[in-house]
Amino acid sequence: MALRLYENMVLDVIDMLKRGRFPFRICYAPPDARDQMTEWLGQEYYCLPQTGDDLGDRMDEAFAGVFSGDVKEALLIGSDIPGLTTEVIEEAFTSLLTNDAVIGPTDDGGYYLIGFRKNTFTPRIFHDMVWSTSSVFRETVDRLHDASVTLHVLPELTDIDTLADLKKLLSQVKGPTSEPSRTLSFLARHRNSILK
């Protein structure tokens, strides 16, 4: 059930990005999973492996890779954020017109999105970080401020890491959503087994 839930969340993010006509790349892990990615998603998408020793290295290398071409601004987003909408992505890109960076906090102290312009990318913020703690967002913001990076903060959203997160999401869903959601449909079908 966890794998099916994750697949639905990833497909929802892809659908949302396509609706907004945002060009995107899919970074997958582990690096040798290309065949599984192609089998699952087909040949339609630009997929590339995540490389690096930890999450910070992988994010640094993803930005460095995209900025090595002609991309002028880029966002790195999580795939476990059911509340992420085209409006949030548009706000993020718009904010980069007047800010050096953008970040979207999660309610557990992490973040679901971070973005830079090519000329303001600050890779050192990703290094020597203790990941998966409630202080990641605050520490990242502090590091950006210390580097004199101007920052726009997006609305706080919930990422899905635990059963408690799923139950919280289900409690917030009262009826149909404005955007189609495979994730919410999946959760509605499995509501009883999740809430018991």
N, C-alpha and C. Protein backbone atom coordinates (compact mmCIF):
# COMPACT_ATOMS: atom_id res chain seq x y z
N MET A 1 0.82 -1.20 0.00
CA MET A 1 0.00 0.00 0.00
C MET A 1 0.86 1.27 0.00
N ALA A 2 1.98 1.27 0.72
CA ALA A 2 2.86 2.45 0.77
C ALA A 2 3.42 2.79 -0.62
N LEU A 3 3.81 1.76 -1.38
CA LEU A 3 4.33 1.99 -2.72
C LEU A 3 3.26 2.60 -3.62
N ARG A 4 2.04 2.07 -3.56
CA ARG A 4 0.95 2.60 -4.39
C ARG A 4 0.64 4.05 -4.01
N LEU A 5 0.67 4.35 -2.73
CA LEU A 5 0.45 5.73 -2.29
C LEU A 5 1.52 6.65 -2.86
N TYR A 6 2.78 6.23 -2.76
CA TYR A 6 3.87 7.05 -3.27
C TYR A 6 3.74 7.24 -4.78
N GLU A 7 3.41 6.18 -5.50
CA GLU A 7 3.24 6.30 -6.95
C GLU A 7 2.15 7.32 -7.29
N ASN A 8 1.06 7.31 -6.54
CA ASN A 8 -0.01 8.27 -6.78
C ASN A 8 0.45 9.70 -6.50
N MET A 9 1.23 9.88 -5.44
CA MET A 9 1.73 11.22 -5.14
C MET A 9 2.65 11.73 -6.26
N VAL A 10 3.53 10.87 -6.75
CA VAL A 10 4.43 11.26 -7.84
C VAL A 10 3.63 11.62 -9.09
N LEU A 11 2.65 10.80 -9.44
CA LEU A 11 1.83 11.08 -10.62
C LEU A 11 1.04 12.37 -10.48
N ASP A 12 0.59 12.67 -9.25
CA ASP A 12 -0.10 13.94 -9.02
C ASP A 12 0.84 15.13 -9.25
N VAL A 13 2.08 15.03 -8.79
CA VAL A 13 3.04 16.11 -9.01
C VAL A 13 3.29 16.29 -10.51
N ILE A 14 3.47 15.19 -11.22
CA ILE A 14 3.69 15.27 -12.67
C ILE A 14 2.50 15.93 -13.35
N ASP A 15 1.28 15.50 -13.00
CA ASP A 15 0.08 16.09 -13.60
C ASP A 15 -0.01 17.58 -13.31
N MET A 16 0.29 17.97 -12.07
CA MET A 16 0.22 19.38 -11.70
C MET A 16 1.22 20.21 -12.50
N LEU A 17 2.44 19.70 -12.66
CA LEU A 17 3.46 20.42 -13.42
C LEU A 17 3.07 20.52 -14.90
N LYS A 18 2.46 19.47 -15.42
CA LYS A 18 2.02 19.50 -16.82
C LYS A 18 0.87 20.49 -17.00
N ARG A 19 -0.07 20.53 -16.05
CA ARG A 19 -1.17 21.50 -16.14
C ARG A 19 -0.64 22.92 -16.16
N GLY A 20 0.39 23.18 -15.36
CA GLY A 20 0.98 24.51 -15.32
C GLY A 20 1.97 24.77 -16.43
N ARG A 21 2.21 23.76 -17.25
CA ARG A 21 3.15 23.85 -18.37
C ARG A 21 4.56 24.25 -17.91
N PHE A 22 4.92 23.72 -16.75
CA PHE A 22 6.27 23.94 -16.23
C PHE A 22 7.18 22.84 -16.78
N PRO A 23 8.28 23.19 -17.43
CA PRO A 23 9.22 22.14 -17.84
C PRO A 23 9.84 21.52 -16.59
N PHE A 24 10.03 20.20 -16.60
CA PHE A 24 10.56 19.55 -15.41
C PHE A 24 11.39 18.34 -15.77
N ARG A 25 12.19 17.95 -14.80
CA ARG A 25 13.00 16.74 -14.88
C ARG A 25 12.69 15.93 -13.63
N ILE A 26 12.75 14.63 -13.76
CA ILE A 26 12.50 13.74 -12.63
C ILE A 26 13.83 13.16 -12.18
N CYS A 27 14.18 13.43 -10.92
CA CYS A 27 15.41 12.90 -10.34
C CYS A 27 15.05 11.69 -9.50
N TYR A 28 15.60 10.55 -9.83
CA TYR A 28 15.21 9.31 -9.15
C TYR A 28 16.38 8.70 -8.39
N ALA A 29 16.01 7.88 -7.43
CA ALA A 29 16.99 7.12 -6.64
C ALA A 29 16.39 5.74 -6.39
N PRO A 30 17.24 4.73 -6.35
CA PRO A 30 18.70 4.75 -6.48
C PRO A 30 19.12 4.98 -7.93
N PRO A 31 20.39 5.33 -8.13
CA PRO A 31 20.86 5.67 -9.47
C PRO A 31 20.73 4.56 -10.51
N ASP A 32 20.64 3.30 -10.08
CA ASP A 32 20.53 2.21 -11.05
C ASP A 32 19.07 1.83 -11.34
N ALA A 33 18.13 2.71 -11.04
CA ALA A 33 16.71 2.39 -11.22
C ALA A 33 16.13 2.89 -12.54
N ARG A 34 16.98 3.22 -13.51
CA ARG A 34 16.47 3.76 -14.78
C ARG A 34 15.47 2.82 -15.44
N ASP A 35 15.76 1.53 -15.48
CA ASP A 35 14.84 0.59 -16.14
C ASP A 35 13.48 0.58 -15.46
N GLN A 36 13.46 0.61 -14.14
CA GLN A 36 12.19 0.63 -13.41
C GLN A 36 11.43 1.93 -13.68
N MET A 37 12.15 3.04 -13.76
CA MET A 37 11.50 4.33 -14.05
C MET A 37 10.88 4.32 -15.44
N THR A 38 11.62 3.80 -16.40
CA THR A 38 11.11 3.75 -17.77
C THR A 38 9.92 2.80 -17.86
N GLU A 39 10.01 1.67 -17.18
CA GLU A 39 8.90 0.72 -17.17
C GLU A 39 7.64 1.35 -16.57
N TRP A 40 7.82 2.15 -15.53
CA TRP A 40 6.68 2.76 -14.84
C TRP A 40 6.12 3.97 -15.61
N LEU A 41 7.02 4.91 -15.99
CA LEU A 41 6.57 6.18 -16.57
C LEU A 41 6.69 6.25 -18.08
N GLY A 42 7.36 5.29 -18.68
CA GLY A 42 7.56 5.33 -20.13
C GLY A 42 8.74 6.23 -20.49
N GLN A 43 8.81 6.57 -21.77
CA GLN A 43 9.93 7.36 -22.29
C GLN A 43 9.63 8.85 -22.37
N GLU A 44 8.44 9.25 -21.92
CA GLU A 44 7.97 10.62 -22.13
C GLU A 44 8.76 11.67 -21.34
N TYR A 45 9.31 11.29 -20.19
CA TYR A 45 9.88 12.28 -19.29
C TYR A 45 11.40 12.23 -19.26
N TYR A 46 11.98 13.40 -18.95
CA TYR A 46 13.42 13.51 -18.78
C TYR A 46 13.74 13.04 -17.37
N CYS A 47 14.31 11.86 -17.24
CA CYS A 47 14.64 11.29 -15.93
C CYS A 47 16.15 11.18 -15.79
N LEU A 48 16.65 11.55 -14.63
CA LEU A 48 18.07 11.42 -14.38
C LEU A 48 18.30 10.95 -12.95
N PRO A 49 19.38 10.21 -12.75
CA PRO A 49 19.62 9.65 -11.42
C PRO A 49 20.11 10.70 -10.42
N GLN A 50 19.71 10.52 -9.17
CA GLN A 50 20.26 11.33 -8.09
C GLN A 50 21.63 10.76 -7.74
N THR A 51 22.59 11.65 -7.57
CA THR A 51 23.93 11.21 -7.20
C THR A 51 24.41 12.02 -5.99
N GLY A 52 25.24 11.41 -5.19
CA GLY A 52 25.77 12.08 -4.00
C GLY A 52 25.61 11.18 -2.78
N ASP A 53 26.35 11.52 -1.75
CA ASP A 53 26.38 10.68 -0.55
C ASP A 53 25.18 10.86 0.36
N ASP A 54 24.60 12.07 0.39
CA ASP A 54 23.44 12.30 1.24
C ASP A 54 22.48 13.22 0.52
N LEU A 55 21.38 13.57 1.19
CA LEU A 55 20.36 14.40 0.56
C LEU A 55 20.92 15.74 0.10
N GLY A 56 21.76 16.34 0.92
CA GLY A 56 22.35 17.62 0.55
C GLY A 56 23.19 17.53 -0.70
N ASP A 57 24.03 16.50 -0.79
CA ASP A 57 24.83 16.29 -2.00
C ASP A 57 23.93 16.10 -3.22
N ARG A 58 22.86 15.32 -3.06
CA ARG A 58 21.97 15.05 -4.19
C ARG A 58 21.27 16.32 -4.66
N MET A 59 20.86 17.18 -3.72
CA MET A 59 20.22 18.43 -4.12
C MET A 59 21.22 19.38 -4.78
N ASP A 60 22.39 19.47 -4.21
CA ASP A 60 23.46 20.30 -4.78
C ASP A 60 23.74 19.86 -6.22
N GLU A 61 23.91 18.57 -6.41
CA GLU A 61 24.25 18.07 -7.75
C GLU A 61 23.10 18.22 -8.74
N ALA A 62 21.85 18.13 -8.25
CA ALA A 62 20.71 18.34 -9.14
C ALA A 62 20.68 19.78 -9.65
N PHE A 63 20.87 20.74 -8.75
CA PHE A 63 20.91 22.14 -9.18
C PHE A 63 22.10 22.40 -10.09
N ALA A 64 23.27 21.90 -9.71
CA ALA A 64 24.47 22.12 -10.53
C ALA A 64 24.27 21.56 -11.94
N GLY A 65 23.62 20.40 -12.02
CA GLY A 65 23.37 19.81 -13.33
C GLY A 65 22.45 20.65 -14.19
N VAL A 66 21.36 21.12 -13.61
CA VAL A 66 20.40 21.90 -14.41
C VAL A 66 20.98 23.27 -14.77
N PHE A 67 21.75 23.85 -13.85
CA PHE A 67 22.33 25.17 -14.12
C PHE A 67 23.55 25.10 -15.04
N SER A 68 24.04 23.91 -15.33
CA SER A 68 25.17 23.80 -16.27
C SER A 68 24.71 24.06 -17.71
N GLY A 69 23.41 24.03 -17.93
CA GLY A 69 22.85 24.34 -19.25
C GLY A 69 22.36 25.77 -19.29
N ASP A 70 21.30 26.00 -20.08
CA ASP A 70 20.81 27.37 -20.26
C ASP A 70 19.63 27.72 -19.35
N VAL A 71 19.37 26.90 -18.34
CA VAL A 71 18.28 27.19 -17.40
C VAL A 71 18.69 28.37 -16.52
N LYS A 72 17.77 29.34 -16.38
CA LYS A 72 18.08 30.56 -15.62
C LYS A 72 17.56 30.52 -14.19
N GLU A 73 16.50 29.76 -13.92
CA GLU A 73 15.99 29.58 -12.57
C GLU A 73 15.40 28.18 -12.46
N ALA A 74 15.52 27.62 -11.27
CA ALA A 74 15.06 26.24 -11.08
C ALA A 74 14.53 26.04 -9.67
N LEU A 75 13.57 25.15 -9.56
CA LEU A 75 13.01 24.74 -8.28
C LEU A 75 13.27 23.26 -8.10
N LEU A 76 13.54 22.87 -6.89
CA LEU A 76 13.63 21.46 -6.52
C LEU A 76 12.46 21.20 -5.59
N ILE A 77 11.58 20.25 -5.97
CA ILE A 77 10.38 20.02 -5.16
C ILE A 77 10.30 18.56 -4.74
N GLY A 78 9.67 18.35 -3.60
CA GLY A 78 9.44 16.99 -3.12
C GLY A 78 8.28 16.35 -3.85
N SER A 79 8.20 15.04 -3.73
CA SER A 79 7.13 14.31 -4.42
C SER A 79 6.08 13.79 -3.45
N ASP A 80 6.15 14.21 -2.19
CA ASP A 80 5.21 13.71 -1.18
C ASP A 80 4.42 14.85 -0.54
N ILE A 81 3.97 15.80 -1.39
CA ILE A 81 3.29 17.01 -0.92
C ILE A 81 1.93 17.11 -1.61
N PRO A 82 0.90 16.45 -1.09
CA PRO A 82 -0.40 16.47 -1.76
C PRO A 82 -1.01 17.86 -1.92
N GLY A 83 -0.63 18.83 -1.08
CA GLY A 83 -1.20 20.17 -1.18
C GLY A 83 -0.50 21.09 -2.17
N LEU A 84 0.50 20.59 -2.86
CA LEU A 84 1.25 21.43 -3.81
C LEU A 84 0.40 21.69 -5.05
N THR A 85 0.28 22.97 -5.42
CA THR A 85 -0.57 23.36 -6.55
C THR A 85 0.23 24.18 -7.56
N THR A 86 -0.37 24.36 -8.73
CA THR A 86 0.25 25.20 -9.76
C THR A 86 0.43 26.62 -9.23
N GLU A 87 -0.51 27.09 -8.41
CA GLU A 87 -0.41 28.45 -7.87
C GLU A 87 0.84 28.62 -7.00
N VAL A 88 1.16 27.60 -6.22
CA VAL A 88 2.37 27.66 -5.38
C VAL A 88 3.62 27.69 -6.26
N ILE A 89 3.64 26.86 -7.30
CA ILE A 89 4.79 26.84 -8.21
C ILE A 89 4.92 28.18 -8.92
N GLU A 90 3.80 28.74 -9.37
CA GLU A 90 3.84 30.05 -10.03
C GLU A 90 4.36 31.12 -9.07
N GLU A 91 3.90 31.09 -7.82
CA GLU A 91 4.39 32.05 -6.83
C GLU A 91 5.90 31.90 -6.64
N ALA A 92 6.37 30.66 -6.61
CA ALA A 92 7.81 30.42 -6.44
C ALA A 92 8.61 31.02 -7.58
N PHE A 93 8.19 30.74 -8.81
CA PHE A 93 8.94 31.28 -9.95
C PHE A 93 8.84 32.81 -10.00
N THR A 94 7.67 33.35 -9.73
CA THR A 94 7.51 34.81 -9.73
C THR A 94 8.40 35.45 -8.68
N SER A 95 8.53 34.81 -7.53
CA SER A 95 9.35 35.38 -6.45
C SER A 95 10.82 35.48 -6.86
N LEU A 96 11.25 34.59 -7.76
CA LEU A 96 12.65 34.62 -8.18
C LEU A 96 12.97 35.79 -9.12
N LEU A 97 11.95 36.53 -9.53
CA LEU A 97 12.20 37.74 -10.31
C LEU A 97 12.81 38.83 -9.43
N THR A 98 12.51 38.80 -8.13
CA THR A 98 12.98 39.85 -7.23
C THR A 98 13.76 39.32 -6.01
N ASN A 99 13.85 38.00 -5.89
CA ASN A 99 14.58 37.39 -4.77
C ASN A 99 15.64 36.43 -5.31
N ASP A 100 16.65 36.19 -4.47
CA ASP A 100 17.71 35.27 -4.86
C ASP A 100 17.30 33.81 -4.73
N ALA A 101 16.39 33.54 -3.78
CA ALA A 101 16.00 32.16 -3.50
C ALA A 101 14.56 32.13 -3.02
N VAL A 102 13.99 30.93 -3.03
CA VAL A 102 12.63 30.71 -2.54
C VAL A 102 12.62 29.38 -1.81
N ILE A 103 11.79 29.30 -0.75
CA ILE A 103 11.70 28.06 0.01
C ILE A 103 10.26 27.88 0.49
N GLY A 104 9.83 26.62 0.54
CA GLY A 104 8.50 26.29 1.02
C GLY A 104 8.59 25.39 2.23
N PRO A 105 8.21 25.88 3.41
CA PRO A 105 8.34 25.08 4.62
C PRO A 105 7.26 24.01 4.76
N THR A 106 7.60 22.93 5.42
CA THR A 106 6.62 21.92 5.80
C THR A 106 6.33 22.05 7.29
N ASP A 107 5.18 21.54 7.70
CA ASP A 107 4.77 21.71 9.09
C ASP A 107 5.55 20.85 10.07
N ASP A 108 6.46 20.02 9.56
CA ASP A 108 7.30 19.21 10.46
C ASP A 108 8.71 19.78 10.61
N GLY A 109 8.93 21.00 10.08
CA GLY A 109 10.23 21.65 10.24
C GLY A 109 11.18 21.47 9.07
N GLY A 110 10.75 20.78 8.04
CA GLY A 110 11.56 20.64 6.83
C GLY A 110 11.10 21.60 5.76
N TYR A 111 11.38 21.28 4.50
CA TYR A 111 10.85 22.08 3.41
C TYR A 111 10.55 21.19 2.21
N TYR A 112 9.53 21.63 1.43
CA TYR A 112 9.08 20.84 0.28
C TYR A 112 9.59 21.38 -1.03
N LEU A 113 10.14 22.58 -1.03
CA LEU A 113 10.59 23.23 -2.26
C LEU A 113 11.72 24.17 -1.91
N ILE A 114 12.71 24.23 -2.78
CA ILE A 114 13.74 25.26 -2.69
C ILE A 114 14.14 25.61 -4.11
N GLY A 115 14.40 26.89 -4.34
CA GLY A 115 14.74 27.31 -5.69
C GLY A 115 15.70 28.48 -5.69
N PHE A 116 16.39 28.62 -6.81
CA PHE A 116 17.37 29.68 -6.99
C PHE A 116 17.35 30.16 -8.43
N ARG A 117 17.91 31.34 -8.63
CA ARG A 117 18.32 31.75 -9.97
C ARG A 117 19.72 31.19 -10.20
N LYS A 118 20.07 31.04 -11.45
CA LYS A 118 21.39 30.47 -11.77
C LYS A 118 22.51 31.25 -11.10
N ASN A 119 22.41 32.56 -11.11
CA ASN A 119 23.50 33.39 -10.58
C ASN A 119 23.42 33.59 -9.06
N THR A 120 22.40 32.99 -8.41
CA THR A 120 22.31 33.12 -6.95
C THR A 120 22.35 31.76 -6.25
N PHE A 121 22.58 30.71 -7.01
CA PHE A 121 22.63 29.38 -6.43
C PHE A 121 23.72 29.33 -5.35
N THR A 122 23.35 28.81 -4.18
CA THR A 122 24.23 28.81 -3.01
C THR A 122 24.39 27.38 -2.50
N PRO A 123 25.26 26.58 -3.11
CA PRO A 123 25.35 25.15 -2.77
C PRO A 123 25.78 24.86 -1.35
N ARG A 124 26.51 25.77 -0.72
CA ARG A 124 27.04 25.45 0.61
C ARG A 124 25.93 25.26 1.65
N ILE A 125 24.72 25.75 1.37
CA ILE A 125 23.64 25.58 2.35
C ILE A 125 23.24 24.12 2.51
N PHE A 126 23.60 23.28 1.55
CA PHE A 126 23.21 21.87 1.59
C PHE A 126 24.21 20.98 2.33
N HIS A 127 25.38 21.49 2.62
CA HIS A 127 26.44 20.65 3.18
C HIS A 127 26.50 20.71 4.70
N ASP A 128 26.86 19.58 5.29
CA ASP A 128 26.98 19.46 6.74
C ASP A 128 25.67 19.80 7.45
N MET A 129 24.57 19.37 6.85
CA MET A 129 23.24 19.56 7.43
C MET A 129 22.80 18.24 8.06
N VAL A 130 22.15 18.32 9.20
CA VAL A 130 21.53 17.13 9.79
C VAL A 130 20.12 17.06 9.23
N TRP A 131 19.90 16.14 8.30
CA TRP A 131 18.63 16.05 7.58
C TRP A 131 17.58 15.29 8.40
N SER A 132 16.33 15.43 7.97
CA SER A 132 15.19 14.73 8.59
C SER A 132 15.02 15.08 10.06
N THR A 133 15.21 16.36 10.36
CA THR A 133 14.96 16.85 11.72
C THR A 133 14.02 18.05 11.63
N SER A 134 13.49 18.45 12.76
CA SER A 134 12.55 19.57 12.79
C SER A 134 13.22 20.93 12.65
N SER A 135 14.55 20.94 12.53
CA SER A 135 15.27 22.22 12.43
C SER A 135 15.82 22.50 11.04
N VAL A 136 15.52 21.64 10.06
CA VAL A 136 16.12 21.79 8.72
C VAL A 136 15.70 23.11 8.06
N PHE A 137 14.42 23.43 8.10
CA PHE A 137 13.96 24.68 7.48
C PHE A 137 14.64 25.88 8.14
N ARG A 138 14.58 25.96 9.45
CA ARG A 138 15.14 27.11 10.17
C ARG A 138 16.64 27.24 9.91
N GLU A 139 17.36 26.11 9.94
CA GLU A 139 18.80 26.13 9.69
C GLU A 139 19.10 26.59 8.27
N THR A 140 18.29 26.13 7.30
CA THR A 140 18.50 26.53 5.91
C THR A 140 18.26 28.03 5.74
N VAL A 141 17.20 28.54 6.33
CA VAL A 141 16.90 29.98 6.25
C VAL A 141 18.04 30.78 6.89
N ASP A 142 18.52 30.33 8.04
CA ASP A 142 19.64 31.02 8.69
C ASP A 142 20.88 31.04 7.81
N ARG A 143 21.16 29.91 7.17
CA ARG A 143 22.33 29.84 6.30
C ARG A 143 22.18 30.78 5.10
N LEU A 144 20.99 30.85 4.55
CA LEU A 144 20.75 31.75 3.41
C LEU A 144 20.91 33.20 3.84
N HIS A 145 20.37 33.54 5.00
CA HIS A 145 20.54 34.92 5.50
C HIS A 145 22.00 35.23 5.76
N ASP A 146 22.73 34.28 6.33
CA ASP A 146 24.16 34.48 6.58
C ASP A 146 24.94 34.71 5.28
N ALA A 147 24.43 34.13 4.19
CA ALA A 147 25.08 34.29 2.89
C ALA A 147 24.55 35.51 2.14
N SER A 148 23.73 36.34 2.83
CA SER A 148 23.13 37.55 2.25
C SER A 148 22.27 37.26 1.03
N VAL A 149 21.58 36.13 1.09
CA VAL A 149 20.67 35.72 0.02
C VAL A 149 19.27 36.23 0.36
N THR A 150 18.67 37.00 -0.55
CA THR A 150 17.29 37.44 -0.32
C THR A 150 16.36 36.26 -0.58
N LEU A 151 15.34 36.15 0.27
CA LEU A 151 14.55 34.91 0.29
C LEU A 151 13.06 35.20 0.36
N HIS A 152 12.30 34.44 -0.43
CA HIS A 152 10.84 34.46 -0.36
C HIS A 152 10.39 33.14 0.26
N VAL A 153 9.50 33.22 1.25
CA VAL A 153 8.99 32.02 1.91
C VAL A 153 7.56 31.77 1.44
N LEU A 154 7.33 30.57 0.94
CA LEU A 154 6.02 30.14 0.44
C LEU A 154 5.12 29.69 1.59
N PRO A 155 3.84 29.44 1.31
CA PRO A 155 2.95 28.92 2.35
C PRO A 155 3.44 27.57 2.87
N GLU A 156 3.18 27.33 4.13
CA GLU A 156 3.53 26.05 4.75
C GLU A 156 2.59 24.95 4.26
N LEU A 157 3.15 23.79 3.94
CA LEU A 157 2.37 22.64 3.50
C LEU A 157 2.77 21.42 4.33
N THR A 158 2.03 20.34 4.15
CA THR A 158 2.30 19.10 4.86
C THR A 158 2.93 18.10 3.91
N ASP A 159 4.04 17.50 4.31
CA ASP A 159 4.57 16.37 3.55
C ASP A 159 4.14 15.09 4.25
N ILE A 160 4.13 14.02 3.50
CA ILE A 160 3.63 12.75 4.02
C ILE A 160 4.81 11.83 4.31
N ASP A 161 5.14 11.74 5.60
CA ASP A 161 6.24 10.89 6.03
C ASP A 161 5.78 9.75 6.92
N THR A 162 4.65 9.94 7.60
CA THR A 162 4.22 8.98 8.62
C THR A 162 2.73 8.69 8.49
N LEU A 163 2.29 7.66 9.20
CA LEU A 163 0.86 7.35 9.26
C LEU A 163 0.09 8.52 9.86
N ALA A 164 0.67 9.19 10.85
CA ALA A 164 0.01 10.36 11.45
C ALA A 164 -0.21 11.46 10.41
N ASP A 165 0.76 11.63 9.48
CA ASP A 165 0.60 12.62 8.41
C ASP A 165 -0.58 12.25 7.51
N LEU A 166 -0.70 10.96 7.20
CA LEU A 166 -1.82 10.49 6.37
C LEU A 166 -3.16 10.77 7.06
N LYS A 167 -3.22 10.46 8.34
CA LYS A 167 -4.47 10.68 9.08
C LYS A 167 -4.81 12.17 9.13
N LYS A 168 -3.79 13.01 9.29
CA LYS A 168 -4.02 14.45 9.30
C LYS A 168 -4.56 14.91 7.95
N LEU A 169 -3.97 14.40 6.87
CA LEU A 169 -4.43 14.77 5.54
C LEU A 169 -5.88 14.34 5.33
N LEU A 170 -6.20 13.12 5.73
CA LEU A 170 -7.57 12.64 5.59
C LEU A 170 -8.55 13.48 6.38
N SER A 171 -8.15 13.95 7.55
CA SER A 171 -9.05 14.76 8.39
C SER A 171 -9.31 16.13 7.77
N GLN A 172 -8.41 16.59 6.89
CA GLN A 172 -8.56 17.89 6.26
C GLN A 172 -9.39 17.82 4.99
N VAL A 173 -9.59 16.63 4.46
CA VAL A 173 -10.32 16.47 3.20
C VAL A 173 -11.80 16.33 3.53
N LYS A 174 -12.55 17.37 3.19
CA LYS A 174 -13.99 17.38 3.50
C LYS A 174 -14.83 17.06 2.26
N GLY A 175 -14.29 17.29 1.11
CA GLY A 175 -15.07 17.06 -0.11
C GLY A 175 -14.15 17.11 -1.32
N PRO A 176 -14.72 17.29 -2.53
CA PRO A 176 -13.89 17.33 -3.74
C PRO A 176 -12.88 18.47 -3.69
N THR A 177 -11.73 18.25 -4.29
CA THR A 177 -10.70 19.28 -4.34
C THR A 177 -10.76 20.00 -5.68
N SER A 178 -10.11 21.17 -5.75
CA SER A 178 -10.15 21.97 -6.97
C SER A 178 -9.31 21.34 -8.08
N GLU A 179 -8.31 20.56 -7.72
CA GLU A 179 -7.48 19.90 -8.72
C GLU A 179 -7.63 18.38 -8.55
N PRO A 180 -7.71 17.65 -9.68
CA PRO A 180 -7.83 16.19 -9.58
C PRO A 180 -6.65 15.62 -8.79
N SER A 181 -6.92 14.62 -7.98
CA SER A 181 -5.87 14.06 -7.15
C SER A 181 -5.99 12.55 -7.07
N ARG A 182 -5.01 11.87 -7.66
CA ARG A 182 -4.95 10.41 -7.51
C ARG A 182 -4.73 10.05 -6.04
N THR A 183 -3.91 10.86 -5.36
CA THR A 183 -3.57 10.58 -3.96
C THR A 183 -4.82 10.60 -3.09
N LEU A 184 -5.61 11.67 -3.20
CA LEU A 184 -6.80 11.77 -2.36
C LEU A 184 -7.82 10.69 -2.71
N SER A 185 -7.94 10.35 -3.98
CA SER A 185 -8.83 9.25 -4.37
C SER A 185 -8.36 7.93 -3.77
N PHE A 186 -7.06 7.70 -3.83
CA PHE A 186 -6.49 6.48 -3.24
C PHE A 186 -6.75 6.44 -1.74
N LEU A 187 -6.50 7.56 -1.07
CA LEU A 187 -6.71 7.61 0.38
C LEU A 187 -8.18 7.42 0.74
N ALA A 188 -9.06 7.99 -0.08
CA ALA A 188 -10.50 7.83 0.20
C ALA A 188 -10.90 6.36 0.10
N ARG A 189 -10.33 5.65 -0.88
CA ARG A 189 -10.65 4.23 -1.05
C ARG A 189 -10.13 3.40 0.12
N HIS A 190 -9.05 3.85 0.74
CA HIS A 190 -8.42 3.10 1.82
C HIS A 190 -8.60 3.77 3.18
N ARG A 191 -9.53 4.71 3.26
CA ARG A 191 -9.75 5.49 4.48
C ARG A 191 -9.92 4.62 5.72
N ASN A 192 -10.75 3.59 5.62
CA ASN A 192 -11.05 2.77 6.80
C ASN A 192 -9.81 2.05 7.32
N SER A 193 -9.00 1.53 6.42
CA SER A 193 -7.81 0.81 6.89
C SER A 193 -6.75 1.78 7.44
N ILE A 194 -6.72 3.01 6.94
CA ILE A 194 -5.75 3.98 7.43
C ILE A 194 -6.16 4.51 8.81
N LEU A 195 -7.46 4.76 9.00
CA LEU A 195 -7.93 5.38 10.23
C LEU A 195 -8.12 4.41 11.38
N LYS A 196 -8.11 3.10 11.11
CA LYS A 196 -8.36 2.16 12.21
C LYS A 196 -7.19 2.07 13.17
